[in-house]
């Protein structure tokens, strides 16, 4: 019975990792700034770039 449980857990982990692999990198769209052409796949960089662009408008 223990061996079946180990295989079941391993199979679930394998399917989950496969799901993460296929849903993550293949699904991402690049962010491109329409003003300067800055391009990135990182949401964090895109948010930081937008904040910098908005800061330039204020000052």
N, C-alpha and C. Protein backbone atom coordinates (compact mmCIF):
# COMPACT_ATOMS: atom_id res chain seq x y z
N UNK A 1 0.82 -1.21 0.00
CA UNK A 1 0.00 0.00 0.00
C UNK A 1 0.86 1.26 0.00
N UNK A 2 2.00 1.22 0.66
CA UNK A 2 2.85 2.41 0.73
C UNK A 2 3.42 2.77 -0.64
N UNK A 3 3.76 1.77 -1.41
CA UNK A 3 4.34 2.02 -2.72
C UNK A 3 3.33 2.68 -3.65
N UNK A 4 2.06 2.31 -3.56
CA UNK A 4 1.01 2.93 -4.37
C UNK A 4 0.86 4.39 -3.98
N UNK A 5 0.93 4.69 -2.69
CA UNK A 5 0.81 6.06 -2.21
C UNK A 5 1.98 6.91 -2.71
N UNK A 6 3.17 6.35 -2.66
CA UNK A 6 4.35 7.09 -3.14
C UNK A 6 4.22 7.38 -4.63
N UNK A 7 3.79 6.40 -5.40
CA UNK A 7 3.60 6.62 -6.83
C UNK A 7 2.50 7.65 -7.10
N UNK A 8 1.46 7.61 -6.31
CA UNK A 8 0.36 8.57 -6.48
C UNK A 8 0.82 9.99 -6.21
N UNK A 9 1.56 10.17 -5.11
CA UNK A 9 2.08 11.50 -4.78
C UNK A 9 3.06 11.96 -5.85
N UNK A 10 3.91 11.06 -6.31
CA UNK A 10 4.86 11.41 -7.37
C UNK A 10 4.16 11.80 -8.66
N UNK A 11 3.11 11.09 -9.01
CA UNK A 11 2.36 11.40 -10.22
C UNK A 11 1.69 12.76 -10.11
N UNK A 12 1.10 13.06 -8.95
CA UNK A 12 0.45 14.35 -8.75
C UNK A 12 1.48 15.47 -8.83
N UNK A 13 2.64 15.29 -8.21
CA UNK A 13 3.69 16.30 -8.29
C UNK A 13 4.19 16.49 -9.73
N UNK A 14 4.32 15.39 -10.45
CA UNK A 14 4.75 15.47 -11.85
C UNK A 14 3.74 16.26 -12.69
N UNK A 15 2.46 15.97 -12.52
CA UNK A 15 1.42 16.67 -13.27
C UNK A 15 1.40 18.15 -12.90
N UNK A 16 1.57 18.46 -11.62
CA UNK A 16 1.57 19.85 -11.17
C UNK A 16 2.76 20.61 -11.75
N UNK A 17 3.94 20.00 -11.74
CA UNK A 17 5.13 20.64 -12.31
C UNK A 17 4.96 20.84 -13.82
N UNK A 18 4.38 19.87 -14.48
CA UNK A 18 4.13 19.99 -15.91
C UNK A 18 3.16 21.14 -16.19
N UNK A 19 2.14 21.26 -15.37
CA UNK A 19 1.19 22.36 -15.50
C UNK A 19 1.88 23.71 -15.32
N UNK A 20 2.73 23.84 -14.29
CA UNK A 20 3.44 25.09 -14.06
C UNK A 20 4.37 25.43 -15.21
N UNK A 21 5.02 24.42 -15.74
CA UNK A 21 5.94 24.64 -16.85
C UNK A 21 5.22 25.12 -18.10
N UNK A 22 4.09 24.51 -18.41
CA UNK A 22 3.37 24.85 -19.63
C UNK A 22 2.53 26.11 -19.50
N UNK A 23 2.06 26.42 -18.32
CA UNK A 23 1.19 27.59 -18.18
C UNK A 23 1.96 28.88 -17.95
N UNK A 24 3.17 28.79 -17.44
CA UNK A 24 3.92 29.99 -17.10
C UNK A 24 4.62 30.65 -18.27
N UNK A 25 5.75 30.12 -18.70
CA UNK A 25 6.56 30.80 -19.71
C UNK A 25 5.90 30.92 -21.08
N UNK A 26 5.07 29.98 -21.46
CA UNK A 26 4.47 30.04 -22.79
C UNK A 26 3.32 31.04 -22.87
N UNK A 27 2.80 31.42 -21.72
CA UNK A 27 1.61 32.26 -21.68
C UNK A 27 1.94 33.76 -21.58
N UNK A 28 3.17 34.08 -21.27
CA UNK A 28 3.50 35.46 -20.96
C UNK A 28 3.58 36.32 -22.21
N UNK A 29 3.08 37.53 -22.09
CA UNK A 29 3.14 38.51 -23.16
C UNK A 29 4.16 39.58 -22.78
N UNK A 30 4.95 40.06 -23.72
CA UNK A 30 5.90 41.12 -23.37
C UNK A 30 5.18 42.44 -23.14
N UNK A 31 5.71 43.23 -22.21
CA UNK A 31 5.23 44.58 -21.98
C UNK A 31 6.09 45.50 -22.83
N UNK A 32 5.48 46.36 -23.59
CA UNK A 32 6.23 47.32 -24.40
C UNK A 32 5.68 48.71 -24.15
N UNK A 33 6.56 49.63 -23.78
CA UNK A 33 6.17 51.01 -23.54
C UNK A 33 5.92 51.69 -24.88
N UNK A 34 4.79 52.34 -25.01
CA UNK A 34 4.45 52.99 -26.27
C UNK A 34 5.22 54.29 -26.47
N UNK A 35 5.79 54.83 -25.39
CA UNK A 35 6.50 56.11 -25.51
C UNK A 35 7.97 55.95 -25.87
N UNK A 36 8.63 54.94 -25.24
CA UNK A 36 10.08 54.84 -25.45
C UNK A 36 10.51 53.50 -26.03
N UNK A 37 9.61 52.52 -26.14
CA UNK A 37 9.95 51.24 -26.71
C UNK A 37 10.56 50.25 -25.73
N UNK A 38 10.59 50.58 -24.44
CA UNK A 38 11.10 49.67 -23.41
C UNK A 38 10.29 48.38 -23.43
N UNK A 39 10.97 47.22 -23.41
CA UNK A 39 10.27 45.95 -23.49
C UNK A 39 10.78 45.00 -22.42
N UNK A 40 9.87 44.32 -21.74
CA UNK A 40 10.23 43.34 -20.72
C UNK A 40 9.13 42.30 -20.56
N UNK A 41 9.50 41.15 -20.02
CA UNK A 41 8.53 40.11 -19.69
C UNK A 41 8.20 40.13 -18.21
N UNK A 42 8.94 40.92 -17.44
CA UNK A 42 8.77 40.97 -15.99
C UNK A 42 7.69 41.98 -15.61
N UNK A 43 6.70 41.53 -14.86
CA UNK A 43 5.65 42.45 -14.40
C UNK A 43 6.23 43.47 -13.43
N UNK A 44 7.21 43.06 -12.64
CA UNK A 44 7.84 43.97 -11.69
C UNK A 44 8.57 45.10 -12.41
N UNK A 45 9.33 44.77 -13.43
CA UNK A 45 10.03 45.80 -14.22
C UNK A 45 9.03 46.71 -14.93
N UNK A 46 7.97 46.15 -15.45
CA UNK A 46 6.97 46.95 -16.15
C UNK A 46 6.31 47.94 -15.20
N UNK A 47 5.99 47.50 -13.98
CA UNK A 47 5.39 48.39 -13.00
C UNK A 47 6.36 49.50 -12.62
N UNK A 48 7.62 49.15 -12.41
CA UNK A 48 8.63 50.16 -12.08
C UNK A 48 8.82 51.15 -13.21
N UNK A 49 8.79 50.68 -14.44
CA UNK A 49 8.95 51.56 -15.59
C UNK A 49 7.77 52.53 -15.69
N UNK A 50 6.56 52.03 -15.46
CA UNK A 50 5.39 52.90 -15.50
C UNK A 50 5.46 53.97 -14.42
N UNK A 51 5.93 53.61 -13.23
CA UNK A 51 6.06 54.59 -12.15
C UNK A 51 7.09 55.65 -12.52
N UNK A 52 8.20 55.23 -13.13
CA UNK A 52 9.21 56.20 -13.55
C UNK A 52 8.66 57.14 -14.62
N UNK A 53 7.91 56.60 -15.57
CA UNK A 53 7.32 57.43 -16.61
C UNK A 53 6.34 58.44 -16.01
N UNK A 54 5.54 58.01 -15.06
CA UNK A 54 4.58 58.91 -14.42
C UNK A 54 5.29 59.95 -13.57
N UNK A 55 6.42 59.60 -12.98
CA UNK A 55 7.18 60.57 -12.18
C UNK A 55 7.74 61.67 -13.08
N UNK A 56 8.13 61.32 -14.29
CA UNK A 56 8.66 62.33 -15.21
C UNK A 56 7.56 63.31 -15.63
N UNK A 57 6.33 62.83 -15.72
CA UNK A 57 5.23 63.72 -16.10
C UNK A 57 4.96 64.76 -15.02
N UNK A 58 5.11 64.36 -13.74
CA UNK A 58 4.80 65.26 -12.63
C UNK A 58 5.86 66.32 -12.49
N UNK A 59 7.14 65.96 -12.60
CA UNK A 59 8.21 66.93 -12.38
C UNK A 59 8.62 67.66 -13.62
